[in-house]
PDB file of all heavy atoms in Angstrom:
ATOM      1  N   CYS A   1      -9.911  -2.367  14.186  1.00  0.00           N
ATOM      2  CA  CYS A   1      -9.385  -3.118  13.044  1.00  0.00           C
ATOM      3  C   CYS A   1      -8.706  -2.163  12.065  1.00  0.00           C
ATOM      4  O   CYS A   1      -8.786  -0.937  12.201  1.00  0.00           O
ATOM      5  CB  CYS A   1     -10.497  -3.891  12.346  1.00  0.00           C
ATOM      6  SG  CYS A   1     -11.848  -2.842  11.736  1.00  0.00           S
ATOM      7  N   LEU A   2      -8.068  -2.746  11.087  1.00  0.00           N
ATOM      8  CA  LEU A   2      -7.375  -1.984  10.054  1.00  0.00           C
ATOM      9  C   LEU A   2      -8.080  -2.220   8.733  1.00  0.00           C
ATOM     10  O   LEU A   2      -8.312  -3.359   8.337  1.00  0.00           O
ATOM     11  CB  LEU A   2      -5.917  -2.440   9.955  1.00  0.00           C
ATOM     12  CG  LEU A   2      -5.058  -1.713   8.919  1.00  0.00           C
ATOM     13  CD1 LEU A   2      -4.757  -0.301   9.387  1.00  0.00           C
ATOM     14  CD2 LEU A   2      -3.758  -2.469   8.677  1.00  0.00           C
ATOM     15  N   ILE A   3      -8.451  -1.130   8.016  1.00  0.00           N
ATOM     16  CA  ILE A   3      -9.158  -1.282   6.741  1.00  0.00           C
ATOM     17  C   ILE A   3      -8.543  -0.348   5.700  1.00  0.00           C
ATOM     18  O   ILE A   3      -7.829   0.619   6.032  1.00  0.00           O
ATOM     19  CB  ILE A   3     -10.656  -0.960   6.891  1.00  0.00           C
ATOM     20  CG1 ILE A   3     -10.848   0.531   7.270  1.00  0.00           C
ATOM     21  CG2 ILE A   3     -11.327  -1.873   7.919  1.00  0.00           C
ATOM     22  CD1 ILE A   3     -12.290   1.010   7.160  1.00  0.00           C
ATOM     23  N   ASN A   4      -8.845  -0.637   4.426  1.00  0.00           N
ATOM     24  CA  ASN A   4      -8.531   0.316   3.357  1.00  0.00           C
ATOM     25  C   ASN A   4      -9.557   1.443   3.399  1.00  0.00           C
ATOM     26  O   ASN A   4     -10.720   1.223   3.756  1.00  0.00           O
ATOM     27  CB  ASN A   4      -8.566  -0.372   1.990  1.00  0.00           C
ATOM     28  CG  ASN A   4      -7.430  -1.357   1.815  1.00  0.00           C
ATOM     29  OD1 ASN A   4      -6.300  -1.083   2.191  1.00  0.00           O
ATOM     30  ND2 ASN A   4      -7.753  -2.518   1.244  1.00  0.00           N
ATOM     31  N   ILE A   5      -9.150   2.616   3.023  1.00  0.00           N
ATOM     32  CA  ILE A   5     -10.067   3.758   3.039  1.00  0.00           C
ATOM     33  C   ILE A   5     -11.297   3.477   2.183  1.00  0.00           C
ATOM     34  O   ILE A   5     -12.424   3.884   2.512  1.00  0.00           O
ATOM     35  CB  ILE A   5      -9.348   5.038   2.570  1.00  0.00           C
ATOM     36  CG1 ILE A   5      -8.343   5.502   3.637  1.00  0.00           C
ATOM     37  CG2 ILE A   5     -10.349   6.162   2.274  1.00  0.00           C
ATOM     38  CD1 ILE A   5      -7.599   6.768   3.292  1.00  0.00           C
ATOM     39  N   ASP A   6     -11.098   2.713   1.096  1.00  0.00           N
ATOM     40  CA  ASP A   6     -12.213   2.412   0.198  1.00  0.00           C
ATOM     41  C   ASP A   6     -13.296   1.574   0.887  1.00  0.00           C
ATOM     42  O   ASP A   6     -14.456   1.584   0.464  1.00  0.00           O
ATOM     43  CB  ASP A   6     -11.707   1.656  -1.037  1.00  0.00           C
ATOM     44  CG  ASP A   6     -10.723   2.484  -1.846  1.00  0.00           C
ATOM     45  OD1 ASP A   6     -10.777   3.721  -1.732  1.00  0.00           O
ATOM     46  OD2 ASP A   6      -9.908   1.900  -2.591  1.00  0.00           O
ATOM     47  N   GLU A   7     -12.942   0.846   1.934  1.00  0.00           N
ATOM     48  CA  GLU A   7     -13.904   0.007   2.634  1.00  0.00           C
ATOM     49  C   GLU A   7     -14.756   0.801   3.631  1.00  0.00           C
ATOM     50  O   GLU A   7     -15.774   0.298   4.132  1.00  0.00           O
ATOM     51  CB  GLU A   7     -13.176  -1.107   3.402  1.00  0.00           C
ATOM     52  CG  GLU A   7     -12.355  -2.055   2.526  1.00  0.00           C
ATOM     53  CD  GLU A   7     -11.590  -3.038   3.376  1.00  0.00           C
ATOM     54  OE1 GLU A   7     -12.240  -3.847   4.067  1.00  0.00           O
ATOM     55  OE2 GLU A   7     -10.336  -2.994   3.367  1.00  0.00           O
ATOM     56  N   PHE A   8     -14.343   2.034   3.954  1.00  0.00           N
ATOM     57  CA  PHE A   8     -15.033   2.802   4.994  1.00  0.00           C
ATOM     58  C   PHE A   8     -16.505   3.029   4.657  1.00  0.00           C
ATOM     59  O   PHE A   8     -17.377   2.991   5.535  1.00  0.00           O
ATOM     60  CB  PHE A   8     -14.335   4.150   5.202  1.00  0.00           C
ATOM     61  CG  PHE A   8     -15.071   5.049   6.153  1.00  0.00           C
ATOM     62  CD1 PHE A   8     -15.023   4.828   7.531  1.00  0.00           C
ATOM     63  CD2 PHE A   8     -15.845   6.105   5.682  1.00  0.00           C
ATOM     64  CE1 PHE A   8     -15.719   5.647   8.408  1.00  0.00           C
ATOM     65  CE2 PHE A   8     -16.539   6.913   6.554  1.00  0.00           C
ATOM     66  CZ  PHE A   8     -16.461   6.684   7.921  1.00  0.00           C
ATOM     67  N   GLU A   9     -16.792   3.235   3.379  1.00  0.00           N
ATOM     68  CA  GLU A   9     -18.165   3.544   2.966  1.00  0.00           C
ATOM     69  C   GLU A   9     -19.123   2.418   3.368  1.00  0.00           C
ATOM     70  O   GLU A   9     -20.292   2.673   3.710  1.00  0.00           O
ATOM     71  CB  GLU A   9     -18.204   3.766   1.450  1.00  0.00           C
ATOM     72  CG  GLU A   9     -19.551   4.284   0.957  1.00  0.00           C
ATOM     73  CD  GLU A   9     -19.538   4.592  -0.529  1.00  0.00           C
ATOM     74  OE1 GLU A   9     -18.430   4.539  -1.132  1.00  0.00           O
ATOM     75  OE2 GLU A   9     -20.616   4.875  -1.077  1.00  0.00           O
ATOM     76  N   ASN A  10     -18.632   1.183   3.340  1.00  0.00           N
ATOM     77  CA  ASN A  10     -19.502   0.055   3.729  1.00  0.00           C
ATOM     78  C   ASN A  10     -19.931   0.165   5.191  1.00  0.00           C
ATOM     79  O   ASN A  10     -21.096  -0.084   5.536  1.00  0.00           O
ATOM     80  CB  ASN A  10     -18.766  -1.261   3.509  1.00  0.00           C
ATOM     81  CG  ASN A  10     -18.462  -1.504   2.052  1.00  0.00           C
ATOM     82  OD1 ASN A  10     -19.191  -1.031   1.178  1.00  0.00           O
ATOM     83  ND2 ASN A  10     -17.379  -2.226   1.771  1.00  0.00           N
ATOM     84  N   TYR A  11     -18.988   0.526   6.083  1.00  0.00           N
ATOM     85  CA  TYR A  11     -19.325   0.699   7.502  1.00  0.00           C
ATOM     86  C   TYR A  11     -20.244   1.899   7.690  1.00  0.00           C
ATOM     87  O   TYR A  11     -21.173   1.872   8.512  1.00  0.00           O
ATOM     88  CB  TYR A  11     -18.038   0.902   8.307  1.00  0.00           C
ATOM     89  CG  TYR A  11     -17.188  -0.347   8.419  1.00  0.00           C
ATOM     90  CD1 TYR A  11     -16.154  -0.578   7.513  1.00  0.00           C
ATOM     91  CD2 TYR A  11     -17.406  -1.285   9.423  1.00  0.00           C
ATOM     92  CE1 TYR A  11     -15.360  -1.715   7.604  1.00  0.00           C
ATOM     93  CE2 TYR A  11     -16.622  -2.430   9.519  1.00  0.00           C
ATOM     94  CZ  TYR A  11     -15.607  -2.632   8.608  1.00  0.00           C
ATOM     95  OH  TYR A  11     -14.829  -3.759   8.717  1.00  0.00           O
ATOM     96  N   GLN A  12     -19.991   2.949   6.944  1.00  0.00           N
ATOM     97  CA  GLN A  12     -20.811   4.162   7.066  1.00  0.00           C
ATOM     98  C   GLN A  12     -22.264   3.882   6.680  1.00  0.00           C
ATOM     99  O   GLN A  12     -23.210   4.376   7.338  1.00  0.00           O
ATOM    100  CB  GLN A  12     -20.221   5.257   6.159  1.00  0.00           C
ATOM    101  CG  GLN A  12     -20.853   6.626   6.364  1.00  0.00           C
ATOM    102  CD  GLN A  12     -20.196   7.694   5.491  1.00  0.00           C
ATOM    103  OE1 GLN A  12     -19.518   7.383   4.519  1.00  0.00           O
ATOM    104  NE2 GLN A  12     -20.403   8.944   5.857  1.00  0.00           N
ATOM    105  N   LYS A  13     -22.452   3.078   5.637  1.00  0.00           N
ATOM    106  CA  LYS A  13     -23.809   2.736   5.210  1.00  0.00           C
ATOM    107  C   LYS A  13     -24.492   1.824   6.222  1.00  0.00           C
ATOM    108  O   LYS A  13     -25.710   1.905   6.423  1.00  0.00           O
ATOM    109  CB  LYS A  13     -23.757   2.035   3.847  1.00  0.00           C
ATOM    110  CG  LYS A  13     -23.398   2.955   2.702  1.00  0.00           C
ATOM    111  CD  LYS A  13     -23.342   2.180   1.387  1.00  0.00           C
ATOM    112  CE  LYS A  13     -22.999   3.114   0.235  1.00  0.00           C
ATOM    113  NZ  LYS A  13     -22.901   2.370  -1.054  1.00  0.00           N
ATOM    114  N   GLN A  14     -23.725   0.978   6.875  1.00  0.00           N
ATOM    115  CA  GLN A  14     -24.301   0.028   7.829  1.00  0.00           C
ATOM    116  C   GLN A  14     -24.678   0.703   9.145  1.00  0.00           C
ATOM    117  O   GLN A  14     -25.664   0.323   9.790  1.00  0.00           O
ATOM    118  CB  GLN A  14     -23.295  -1.108   8.078  1.00  0.00           C
ATOM    119  CG  GLN A  14     -23.859  -2.241   8.929  1.00  0.00           C
ATOM    120  CD  GLN A  14     -22.864  -3.393   9.055  1.00  0.00           C
ATOM    121  OE1 GLN A  14     -21.826  -3.382   8.417  1.00  0.00           O
ATOM    122  NE2 GLN A  14     -23.209  -4.370   9.879  1.00  0.00           N
ATOM    123  N   TYR A  15     -23.890   1.730   9.538  1.00  0.00           N
ATOM    124  CA  TYR A  15     -24.131   2.425  10.818  1.00  0.00           C
ATOM    125  C   TYR A  15     -24.432   3.892  10.527  1.00  0.00           C
ATOM    126  O   TYR A  15     -23.666   4.794  10.861  1.00  0.00           O
ATOM    127  CB  TYR A  15     -22.913   2.285  11.733  1.00  0.00           C
ATOM    128  CG  TYR A  15     -22.589   0.850  12.094  1.00  0.00           C
ATOM    129  CD1 TYR A  15     -21.664   0.115  11.354  1.00  0.00           C
ATOM    130  CD2 TYR A  15     -23.231   0.225  13.157  1.00  0.00           C
ATOM    131  CE1 TYR A  15     -21.367  -1.198  11.672  1.00  0.00           C
ATOM    132  CE2 TYR A  15     -22.947  -1.095  13.480  1.00  0.00           C
ATOM    133  CZ  TYR A  15     -22.010  -1.806  12.737  1.00  0.00           C
ATOM    134  OH  TYR A  15     -21.730  -3.099  13.055  1.00  0.00           O
ATOM    135  N   THR A  16     -25.579   4.107   9.884  1.00  0.00           N
ATOM    136  CA  THR A  16     -25.926   5.447   9.408  1.00  0.00           C
ATOM    137  C   THR A  16     -26.187   6.443  10.539  1.00  0.00           C
ATOM    138  O   THR A  16     -26.016   7.654  10.358  1.00  0.00           O
ATOM    139  CB  THR A  16     -27.171   5.370   8.510  1.00  0.00           C
ATOM    140  OG1 THR A  16     -28.225   4.708   9.227  1.00  0.00           O
ATOM    141  CG2 THR A  16     -26.859   4.593   7.241  1.00  0.00           C
ATOM    142  N   ASP A  17     -26.618   5.953  11.700  1.00  0.00           N
ATOM    143  CA  ASP A  17     -26.950   6.876  12.781  1.00  0.00           C
ATOM    144  C   ASP A  17     -25.783   7.087  13.746  1.00  0.00           C
ATOM    145  O   ASP A  17     -25.945   7.665  14.817  1.00  0.00           O
ATOM    146  CB  ASP A  17     -28.181   6.364  13.558  1.00  0.00           C
ATOM    147  CG  ASP A  17     -27.951   4.978  14.137  1.00  0.00           C
ATOM    148  OD1 ASP A  17     -27.080   4.246  13.597  1.00  0.00           O
ATOM    149  OD2 ASP A  17     -28.624   4.635  15.115  1.00  0.00           O
ATOM    150  N   TYR A  18     -24.579   6.645  13.354  1.00  0.00           N
ATOM    151  CA  TYR A  18     -23.396   6.816  14.193  1.00  0.00           C
ATOM    152  C   TYR A  18     -22.586   8.026  13.716  1.00  0.00           C
ATOM    153  O   TYR A  18     -22.385   8.225  12.506  1.00  0.00           O
ATOM    154  CB  TYR A  18     -22.500   5.574  14.140  1.00  0.00           C
ATOM    155  CG  TYR A  18     -22.975   4.444  15.029  1.00  0.00           C
ATOM    156  CD1 TYR A  18     -24.195   3.798  14.811  1.00  0.00           C
ATOM    157  CD2 TYR A  18     -22.193   4.008  16.092  1.00  0.00           C
ATOM    158  CE1 TYR A  18     -24.633   2.772  15.617  1.00  0.00           C
ATOM    159  CE2 TYR A  18     -22.610   2.969  16.914  1.00  0.00           C
ATOM    160  CZ  TYR A  18     -23.832   2.354  16.669  1.00  0.00           C
ATOM    161  OH  TYR A  18     -24.236   1.328  17.477  1.00  0.00           O
ATOM    162  N   GLU A  19     -22.154   8.825  14.671  1.00  0.00           N
ATOM    163  CA  GLU A  19     -21.317   9.980  14.362  1.00  0.00           C
ATOM    164  C   GLU A  19     -19.906   9.497  13.988  1.00  0.00           C
ATOM    165  O   GLU A  19     -19.385   8.533  14.554  1.00  0.00           O
ATOM    166  CB  GLU A  19     -21.242  10.913  15.566  1.00  0.00           C
ATOM    167  CG  GLU A  19     -20.417  12.178  15.320  1.00  0.00           C
ATOM    168  CD  GLU A  19     -20.334  13.063  16.550  1.00  0.00           C
ATOM    169  OE1 GLU A  19     -21.049  12.780  17.539  1.00  0.00           O
ATOM    170  OE2 GLU A  19     -19.540  14.029  16.535  1.00  0.00           O
ATOM    171  N   ILE A  20     -19.302  10.190  13.037  1.00  0.00           N
ATOM    172  CA  ILE A  20     -17.946   9.852  12.616  1.00  0.00           C
ATOM    173  C   ILE A  20     -16.970  10.794  13.321  1.00  0.00           C
ATOM    174  O   ILE A  20     -17.111  12.029  13.218  1.00  0.00           O
ATOM    175  CB  ILE A  20     -17.790   9.939  11.092  1.00  0.00           C
ATOM    176  CG1 ILE A  20     -18.774   8.962  10.427  1.00  0.00           C
ATOM    177  CG2 ILE A  20     -16.359   9.616  10.656  1.00  0.00           C
ATOM    178  CD1 ILE A  20     -18.891   9.134   8.937  1.00  0.00           C
ATOM    179  N   VAL A  21     -15.993  10.236  14.035  1.00  0.00           N
ATOM    180  CA  VAL A  21     -15.053  11.045  14.807  1.00  0.00           C
ATOM    181  C   VAL A  21     -13.620  10.605  14.493  1.00  0.00           C
ATOM    182  O   VAL A  21     -13.379   9.536  13.946  1.00  0.00           O
ATOM    183  CB  VAL A  21     -15.309  10.907  16.334  1.00  0.00           C
ATOM    184  CG1 VAL A  21     -16.680  11.436  16.711  1.00  0.00           C
ATOM    185  CG2 VAL A  21     -15.151   9.458  16.779  1.00  0.00           C
ATOM    186  N   GLY A  22     -12.676  11.461  14.873  1.00  0.00           N
ATOM    187  CA  GLY A  22     -11.260  11.156  14.655  1.00  0.00           C
ATOM    188  C   GLY A  22     -10.710  11.898  13.463  1.00  0.00           C
ATOM    189  O   GLY A  22     -11.030  13.078  13.252  1.00  0.00           O
ATOM    190  N   ASP A  23      -9.889  11.225  12.676  1.00  0.00           N
ATOM    191  CA  ASP A  23      -9.280  11.852  11.496  1.00  0.00           C
ATOM    192  C   ASP A  23     -10.264  11.808  10.335  1.00  0.00           C
ATOM    193  O   ASP A  23     -10.041  11.147   9.302  1.00  0.00           O
ATOM    194  CB  ASP A  23      -7.976  11.128  11.129  1.00  0.00           C
ATOM    195  CG  ASP A  23      -6.906  11.277  12.200  1.00  0.00           C
ATOM    196  OD1 ASP A  23      -6.900  12.303  12.888  1.00  0.00           O
ATOM    197  OD2 ASP A  23      -6.052  10.357  12.335  1.00  0.00           O
ATOM    198  N   THR A  24     -11.362  12.536  10.497  1.00  0.00           N
ATOM    199  CA  THR A  24     -12.469  12.465   9.541  1.00  0.00           C
ATOM    200  C   THR A  24     -12.136  13.102   8.194  1.00  0.00           C
ATOM    201  O   THR A  24     -12.824  12.830   7.196  1.00  0.00           O
ATOM    202  CB  THR A  24     -13.717  13.152  10.134  1.00  0.00           C
ATOM    203  OG1 THR A  24     -13.375  14.499  10.504  1.00  0.00           O
ATOM    204  CG2 THR A  24     -14.206  12.408  11.373  1.00  0.00           C
ATOM    205  N   HIS A  25     -11.126  13.949   8.146  1.00  0.00           N
ATOM    206  CA  HIS A  25     -10.761  14.585   6.869  1.00  0.00           C
ATOM    207  C   HIS A  25     -10.355  13.524   5.834  1.00  0.00           C
ATOM    208  O   HIS A  25     -10.420  13.766   4.626  1.00  0.00           O
ATOM    209  CB  HIS A  25      -9.604  15.570   7.076  1.00  0.00           C
ATOM    210  CG  HIS A  25      -8.307  14.924   7.469  1.00  0.00           C
ATOM    211  ND1 HIS A  25      -8.060  14.498   8.770  1.00  0.00           N
ATOM    212  CD2 HIS A  25      -7.204  14.618   6.738  1.00  0.00           C
ATOM    213  CE1 HIS A  25      -6.837  13.968   8.808  1.00  0.00           C
ATOM    214  NE2 HIS A  25      -6.302  14.026   7.601  1.00  0.00           N
ATOM    215  N   LEU A  26      -9.948  12.359   6.317  1.00  0.00           N
ATOM    216  CA  LEU A  26      -9.525  11.298   5.402  1.00  0.00           C
ATOM    217  C   LEU A  26     -10.685  10.734   4.599  1.00  0.00           C
ATOM    218  O   LEU A  26     -10.485  10.110   3.549  1.00  0.00           O
ATOM    219  CB  LEU A  26      -8.841  10.161   6.176  1.00  0.00           C
ATOM    220  CG  LEU A  26      -7.533  10.536   6.896  1.00  0.00           C
ATOM    221  CD1 LEU A  26      -7.057   9.382   7.760  1.00  0.00           C
ATOM    222  CD2 LEU A  26      -6.461  10.912   5.883  1.00  0.00           C
ATOM    223  N   VAL A  27     -11.907  10.932   5.085  1.00  0.00           N
ATOM    224  CA  VAL A  27     -13.104  10.449   4.370  1.00  0.00           C
ATOM    225  C   VAL A  27     -13.977  11.620   3.939  1.00  0.00           C
ATOM    226  O   VAL A  27     -15.172  11.461   3.683  1.00  0.00           O
ATOM    227  CB  VAL A  27     -13.909   9.462   5.243  1.00  0.00           C
ATOM    228  CG1 VAL A  27     -13.102   8.183   5.444  1.00  0.00           C
ATOM    229  CG2 VAL A  27     -14.293  10.072   6.577  1.00  0.00           C
ATOM    230  N   GLY A  28     -13.382  12.791   3.872  1.00  0.00           N
ATOM    231  CA  GLY A  28     -14.094  13.957   3.334  1.00  0.00           C
ATOM    232  C   GLY A  28     -15.027  14.644   4.303  1.00  0.00           C
ATOM    233  O   GLY A  28     -15.937  15.368   3.860  1.00  0.00           O
ATOM    234  N   ILE A  29     -14.823  14.452   5.598  1.00  0.00           N
ATOM    235  CA  ILE A  29     -15.692  15.086   6.598  1.00  0.00           C
ATOM    236  C   ILE A  29     -14.846  16.025   7.459  1.00  0.00           C
ATOM    237  O   ILE A  29     -13.770  15.628   7.924  1.00  0.00           O
ATOM    238  CB  ILE A  29     -16.360  14.018   7.493  1.00  0.00           C
ATOM    239  CG1 ILE A  29     -17.225  13.082   6.632  1.00  0.00           C
ATOM    240  CG2 ILE A  29     -17.186  14.669   8.600  1.00  0.00           C
ATOM    241  CD1 ILE A  29     -17.789  11.910   7.395  1.00  0.00           C
ATOM    242  N   PRO A  30     -15.292  17.279   7.672  1.00  0.00           N
ATOM    243  CA  PRO A  30     -14.518  18.215   8.507  1.00  0.00           C
ATOM    244  C   PRO A  30     -14.313  17.644   9.921  1.00  0.00           C
ATOM    245  O   PRO A  30     -15.201  17.009  10.493  1.00  0.00           O
ATOM    246  CB  PRO A  30     -15.390  19.475   8.529  1.00  0.00           C
ATOM    247  CG  PRO A  30     -16.255  19.359   7.298  1.00  0.00           C
ATOM    248  CD  PRO A  30     -16.502  17.918   7.116  1.00  0.00           C
ATOM    249  N   GLU A  31     -13.118  17.896  10.457  1.00  0.00           N
ATOM    250  CA  GLU A  31     -12.799  17.371  11.782  1.00  0.00           C
ATOM    251  C   GLU A  31     -13.366  18.263  12.886  1.00  0.00           C
ATOM    252  O   GLU A  31     -13.453  19.477  12.739  1.00  0.00           O
ATOM    253  CB  GLU A  31     -11.279  17.265  11.952  1.00  0.00           C
ATOM    254  CG  GLU A  31     -10.651  16.161  11.121  1.00  0.00           C
ATOM    255  CD  GLU A  31      -9.178  15.985  11.450  1.00  0.00           C
ATOM    256  OE1 GLU A  31      -8.720  16.491  12.489  1.00  0.00           O
ATOM    257  OE2 GLU A  31      -8.474  15.326  10.642  1.00  0.00           O
ATOM    258  N   LYS A  32     -13.708  17.611  14.007  1.00  0.00           N
ATOM    259  CA  LYS A  32     -14.139  18.330  15.214  1.00  0.00           C
ATOM    260  C   LYS A  32     -13.249  17.883  16.360  1.00  0.00           C
ATOM    261  O   LYS A  32     -13.079  16.687  16.607  1.00  0.00           O
ATOM    262  CB  LYS A  32     -15.606  18.007  15.547  1.00  0.00           C
ATOM    263  CG  LYS A  32     -16.608  18.492  14.521  1.00  0.00           C
ATOM    264  CD  LYS A  32     -18.032  18.122  14.946  1.00  0.00           C
ATOM    265  CE  LYS A  32     -19.058  18.574  13.932  1.00  0.00           C
ATOM    266  NZ  LYS A  32     -20.445  18.195  14.346  1.00  0.00           N
ATOM    267  N   GLU A  33     -12.699  18.863  17.049  1.00  0.00           N
ATOM    268  CA  GLU A  33     -11.839  18.524  18.186  1.00  0.00           C
ATOM    269  C   GLU A  33     -12.722  18.068  19.351  1.00  0.00           C
ATOM    270  O   GLU A  33     -13.781  18.651  19.628  1.00  0.00           O
ATOM    271  CB  GLU A  33     -11.002  19.735  18.605  1.00  0.00           C
ATOM    272  CG  GLU A  33      -9.997  19.412  19.703  1.00  0.00           C
ATOM    273  CD  GLU A  33      -9.052  20.577  19.974  1.00  0.00           C
ATOM    274  OE1 GLU A  33      -9.001  21.509  19.133  1.00  0.00           O
ATOM    275  OE2 GLU A  33      -8.369  20.559  21.015  1.00  0.00           O
ATOM    276  N   VAL A  34     -12.281  17.006  20.014  1.00  0.00           N
ATOM    277  CA  VAL A  34     -13.043  16.479  21.151  1.00  0.00           C
ATOM    278  C   VAL A  34     -12.207  16.623  22.415  1.00  0.00           C
ATOM    279  O   VAL A  34     -10.989  16.786  22.365  1.00  0.00           O
ATOM    280  CB  VAL A  34     -13.399  14.981  20.926  1.00  0.00           C
ATOM    281  CG1 VAL A  34     -14.287  14.831  19.698  1.00  0.00           C
ATOM    282  CG2 VAL A  34     -12.147  14.131  20.774  1.00  0.00           C
ATOM    283  N   ASP A  35     -12.869  16.567  23.534  1.00  0.00           N
ATOM    284  CA  ASP A  35     -12.194  16.658  24.833  1.00  0.00           C
ATOM    285  C   ASP A  35     -11.672  15.252  25.178  1.00  0.00           C
ATOM    286  O   ASP A  35     -12.330  14.468  25.855  1.00  0.00           O
ATOM    287  CB  ASP A  35     -13.170  17.172  25.903  1.00  0.00           C
ATOM    288  CG  ASP A  35     -12.475  17.438  27.229  1.00  0.00           C
ATOM    289  OD1 ASP A  35     -11.280  17.078  27.362  1.00  0.00           O
ATOM    290  OD2 ASP A  35     -13.121  17.996  28.134  1.00  0.00           O
ATOM    291  N   LEU A  36     -10.483  14.953  24.711  1.00  0.00           N
ATOM    292  CA  LEU A  36      -9.926  13.618  24.884  1.00  0.00           C
ATOM    293  C   LEU A  36      -9.696  13.283  26.354  1.00  0.00           C
ATOM    294  O   LEU A  36      -9.916  12.149  26.780  1.00  0.00           O
ATOM    295  CB  LEU A  36      -8.602  13.496  24.106  1.00  0.00           C
ATOM    296  CG  LEU A  36      -8.740  13.289  22.585  1.00  0.00           C
ATOM    297  CD1 LEU A  36      -7.391  13.411  21.893  1.00  0.00           C
ATOM    298  CD2 LEU A  36      -9.356  11.925  22.297  1.00  0.00           C
ATOM    299  N   ALA A  37      -9.221  14.242  27.139  1.00  0.00           N
ATOM    300  CA  ALA A  37      -8.959  13.975  28.559  1.00  0.00           C
ATOM    301  C   ALA A  37     -10.226  13.506  29.265  1.00  0.00           C
ATOM    302  O   ALA A  37     -10.216  12.526  30.018  1.00  0.00           O
ATOM    303  CB  ALA A  37      -8.401  15.219  29.229  1.00  0.00           C
ATOM    304  N   ASN A  38     -11.316  14.184  28.989  1.00  0.00           N
ATOM    305  CA  ASN A  38     -12.589  13.819  29.612  1.00  0.00           C
ATOM    306  C   ASN A  38     -13.066  12.444  29.142  1.00  0.00           C
ATOM    307  O   ASN A  38     -13.542  11.622  29.934  1.00  0.00           O
ATOM    308  CB  ASN A  38     -13.643  14.882  29.309  1.00  0.00           C
ATOM    309  CG  ASN A  38     -14.964  14.588  30.003  1.00  0.00           C
ATOM    310  OD1 ASN A  38     -15.034  14.368  31.219  1.00  0.00           O
ATOM    311  ND2 ASN A  38     -16.032  14.535  29.210  1.00  0.00           N
ATOM    312  N   HIS A  39     -12.916  12.218  27.810  1.00  0.00           N
ATOM    313  CA  HIS A  39     -13.320  10.922  27.269  1.00  0.00           C
ATOM    314  C   HIS A  39     -12.527   9.788  27.921  1.00  0.00           C
ATOM    315  O   HIS A  39     -13.087   8.764  28.322  1.00  0.00           O
ATOM    316  CB  HIS A  39     -13.095  10.890  25.751  1.00  0.00           C
ATOM    317  CG  HIS A  39     -14.104  11.666  24.980  1.00  0.00           C
ATOM    318  ND1 HIS A  39     -14.211  11.618  23.601  1.00  0.00           N
ATOM    319  CD2 HIS A  39     -15.088  12.522  25.382  1.00  0.00           C
ATOM    320  CE1 HIS A  39     -15.192  12.396  23.201  1.00  0.00           C
ATOM    321  NE2 HIS A  39     -15.742  12.982  24.269  1.00  0.00           N
ATOM    322  N   ILE A  40     -11.209   9.979  27.989  1.00  0.00           N
ATOM    323  CA  ILE A  40     -10.334   8.925  28.516  1.00  0.00           C
ATOM    324  C   ILE A  40     -10.654   8.649  29.988  1.00  0.00           C
ATOM    325  O   ILE A  40     -10.751   7.494  30.410  1.00  0.00           O
ATOM    326  CB  ILE A  40      -8.852   9.328  28.335  1.00  0.00           C
ATOM    327  CG1 ILE A  40      -8.494   9.407  26.833  1.00  0.00           C
ATOM    328  CG2 ILE A  40      -7.928   8.343  29.050  1.00  0.00           C
ATOM    329  CD1 ILE A  40      -7.160  10.059  26.534  1.00  0.00           C
ATOM    330  N   TYR A  41     -10.815   9.741  30.752  1.00  0.00           N
ATOM    331  CA  TYR A  41     -11.089   9.564  32.190  1.00  0.00           C
ATOM    332  C   TYR A  41     -12.441   8.861  32.406  1.00  0.00           C
ATOM    333  O   TYR A  41     -12.564   7.942  33.219  1.00  0.00           O
ATOM    334  CB  TYR A  41     -11.092  10.907  32.905  1.00  0.00           C
ATOM    335  CG  TYR A  41     -11.396  10.795  34.382  1.00  0.00           C
ATOM    336  CD1 TYR A  41     -10.435  10.314  35.274  1.00  0.00           C
ATOM    337  CD2 TYR A  41     -12.650  11.143  34.878  1.00  0.00           C
ATOM    338  CE1 TYR A  41     -10.718  10.177  36.620  1.00  0.00           C
ATOM    339  CE2 TYR A  41     -12.948  11.016  36.219  1.00  0.00           C
ATOM    340  CZ  TYR A  41     -11.971  10.537  37.090  1.00  0.00           C
ATOM    341  OH  TYR A  41     -12.247  10.395  38.431  1.00  0.00           O
TER     342      TYR A  41
END
């Protein structure tokens, strides 16, 4: 889905035990590169 950045905190509070991945710098979290090829396959 598409959300405003301000709405992200609501999802973060609801799914506290979920890791945040992707363009995490947008929500103040350092980014970690993932093995996309392996994930996709």
